[in-house]
């Protein structure tokens, strides 16, 4: 079920009093990206890189509840691979973050991997959402200020 642009949903995301403010009830992913991300997560979890990192566990949970749509059905304000995003965290504002595949990450060009803590926190969320997520500096709320697709 989709929500109107003015609708805001507050979801209790876990047993730990973390709340996420969402325009849509769940994250929304395009069907090809959904399959791609699921495969990446499976590979990542099977690798030696994983050390019980909270962000990958949370991303796995988000994927299990995601709304999957065809490309032509995707809302224009939802973050996907290639989106340019402006966010605000307790550590400041970051503009023009580009969400990319892990092989395309380049911090000098503001390109972050969707398998990074920040990237996994953004994928599938929309402009106006506030997301509680585990980042390297600790649990943070990320406010999504703008999305350009």
Protein backbone atom coordinates (compact mmCIF):
# COMPACT_ATOMS: atom_id res chain seq x y z
CA UNK A 1 0.00 0.00 0.00
CA UNK A 2 1.37 3.40 -0.96
CA UNK A 3 0.89 6.61 0.96
CA UNK A 4 0.27 10.10 -0.30
CA UNK A 5 3.14 12.57 -0.39
CA UNK A 6 1.87 14.32 2.75
CA UNK A 7 1.49 11.10 4.77
CA UNK A 8 4.09 10.39 7.42
CA UNK A 9 4.27 7.07 9.24
CA UNK A 10 6.12 6.52 12.50
CA UNK A 11 7.28 2.91 12.71
CA UNK A 12 8.68 1.15 15.70
CA UNK A 13 11.53 -0.69 13.95
CA UNK A 14 12.81 -2.89 16.76
CA UNK A 15 12.37 -3.77 20.40
CA UNK A 16 14.87 -1.07 21.38
CA UNK A 17 12.69 2.08 21.28
CA UNK A 18 14.11 3.17 17.92
CA UNK A 19 11.62 5.03 15.79
CA UNK A 20 11.80 5.89 12.14
CA UNK A 21 9.67 8.59 10.53
CA UNK A 22 8.68 7.40 7.06
CA UNK A 23 6.61 8.85 4.25
CA UNK A 24 5.83 5.32 3.08
CA UNK A 25 5.26 2.44 5.47
CA UNK A 26 8.36 0.44 4.42
CA UNK A 27 11.41 0.92 2.26
CA UNK A 28 10.64 0.76 -1.46
CA UNK A 29 12.99 -0.88 -3.93
CA UNK A 30 12.90 -1.39 -7.68
CA UNK A 31 12.69 -5.13 -8.44
CA UNK A 32 16.06 -5.45 -10.23
CA UNK A 33 17.83 -3.46 -7.47
CA UNK A 34 16.11 -5.60 -4.84
CA UNK A 35 17.55 -8.78 -6.37
CA UNK A 36 20.97 -7.15 -6.81
CA UNK A 37 21.07 -5.97 -3.18
CA UNK A 38 19.88 -9.33 -1.84
CA UNK A 39 22.71 -11.06 -3.74
CA UNK A 40 25.29 -8.54 -2.47
CA UNK A 41 24.12 -8.95 1.12
CA UNK A 42 24.31 -12.76 0.86
CA UNK A 43 27.89 -12.52 -0.46
CA UNK A 44 28.85 -9.98 2.20
CA UNK A 45 27.41 -12.10 5.02
CA UNK A 46 29.31 -15.14 3.74
CA UNK A 47 32.61 -13.21 3.57
CA UNK A 48 35.26 -12.65 6.21
CA UNK A 49 34.44 -8.90 6.19
CA UNK A 50 31.36 -9.36 8.37
CA UNK A 51 31.92 -9.01 12.10
CA UNK A 52 28.32 -8.95 13.39
CA UNK A 53 27.97 -5.41 12.13
CA UNK A 54 24.59 -4.04 13.19
CA UNK A 55 24.01 -2.14 9.93
CA UNK A 56 24.11 -5.26 7.73
CA UNK A 57 21.75 -7.10 10.07
CA UNK A 58 19.37 -4.14 10.00
CA UNK A 59 19.59 -3.95 6.19
CA UNK A 60 18.74 -7.66 5.98
CA UNK A 61 15.67 -7.03 8.13
CA UNK A 62 14.66 -4.04 5.98
CA UNK A 63 14.93 -6.17 2.82
CA UNK A 64 12.60 -8.79 4.27
CA UNK A 65 9.89 -6.13 4.69
CA UNK A 66 10.57 -4.06 1.57
CA UNK A 67 7.93 -3.06 -0.95
CA UNK A 68 9.22 -4.12 -4.38
CA UNK A 69 8.00 -2.25 -7.47
CA UNK A 70 8.61 -2.12 -11.19
CA UNK A 71 10.87 0.70 -12.34
CA UNK A 72 7.97 2.71 -13.81
CA UNK A 73 6.08 2.44 -10.49
CA UNK A 74 8.89 3.84 -8.31
CA UNK A 75 8.11 7.08 -6.45
CA UNK A 76 10.48 9.82 -7.62
CA UNK A 77 11.53 10.72 -4.06
CA UNK A 78 12.80 7.25 -3.07
CA UNK A 79 16.55 6.67 -2.84
CA UNK A 80 17.96 4.08 -5.22
CA UNK A 81 21.32 3.30 -6.79
CA UNK A 82 22.48 6.46 -8.55
CA UNK A 83 20.39 8.86 -6.46
CA UNK A 84 21.92 12.13 -5.27
CA UNK A 85 20.96 12.74 -1.66
CA UNK A 86 21.28 15.55 0.88
CA UNK A 87 21.18 14.42 4.51
CA UNK A 88 21.59 15.82 7.98
CA UNK A 89 23.07 13.83 10.87
CA UNK A 90 24.11 14.88 14.38
CA UNK A 91 27.58 15.39 12.84
CA UNK A 92 26.42 17.91 10.24
CA UNK A 93 24.89 18.22 6.81
CA UNK A 94 26.18 16.30 3.79
CA UNK A 95 25.11 17.32 0.31
CA UNK A 96 25.19 15.51 -3.02
CA UNK A 97 25.93 12.03 -1.69
CA UNK A 98 25.63 9.61 -4.60
CA UNK A 99 24.56 6.08 -3.71
CA UNK A 100 26.48 3.56 -5.85
CA UNK A 101 27.34 -0.12 -6.22
CA UNK A 102 30.26 -1.19 -4.00
CA UNK A 103 32.68 -1.35 -6.96
CA UNK A 104 31.92 2.29 -7.85
CA UNK A 105 32.50 3.89 -4.44
CA UNK A 106 34.80 6.91 -4.43
CA UNK A 107 34.83 9.17 -1.38
CA UNK A 108 36.58 11.96 -3.34
CA UNK A 109 33.59 12.07 -5.71
CA UNK A 110 31.06 11.77 -2.83
CA UNK A 111 30.06 8.29 -4.04
CA UNK A 112 29.17 5.94 -1.19
CA UNK A 113 28.53 2.23 -1.45
CA UNK A 114 25.04 0.94 -0.74
CA UNK A 115 26.83 -1.65 1.45
CA UNK A 116 28.41 1.02 3.66
CA UNK A 117 26.69 1.89 6.94
CA UNK A 118 25.41 5.20 5.51
CA UNK A 119 24.45 3.68 2.14
CA UNK A 120 22.53 0.85 3.73
CA UNK A 121 20.72 3.39 5.91
CA UNK A 122 19.55 5.38 2.87
CA UNK A 123 18.53 2.81 0.25
CA UNK A 124 14.76 2.63 -0.20
CA UNK A 125 13.92 5.58 2.05
CA UNK A 126 12.38 8.83 0.79
CA UNK A 127 12.78 12.58 1.05
CA UNK A 128 11.53 13.71 4.45
CA UNK A 129 12.23 10.41 6.20
CA UNK A 130 14.17 10.28 9.45
CA UNK A 131 16.05 7.02 9.93
CA UNK A 132 17.65 5.66 13.11
CA UNK A 133 20.71 3.67 12.05
CA UNK A 134 23.99 2.32 13.39
CA UNK A 135 26.87 4.31 11.93
CA UNK A 136 30.60 3.97 12.76
CA UNK A 137 30.32 6.81 15.32
CA UNK A 138 27.31 5.14 16.98
CA UNK A 139 23.55 5.14 16.60
CA UNK A 140 22.38 8.23 14.74
CA UNK A 141 19.29 9.75 13.22
CA UNK A 142 19.68 10.57 9.54
CA UNK A 143 17.27 13.15 8.12
CA UNK A 144 16.82 12.86 4.36
CA UNK A 145 16.54 16.44 3.12
CA UNK A 146 16.51 15.94 -0.67
CA UNK A 147 16.59 13.16 -3.27
CA UNK A 148 17.36 13.61 -6.97
CA UNK A 149 16.92 10.63 -9.31
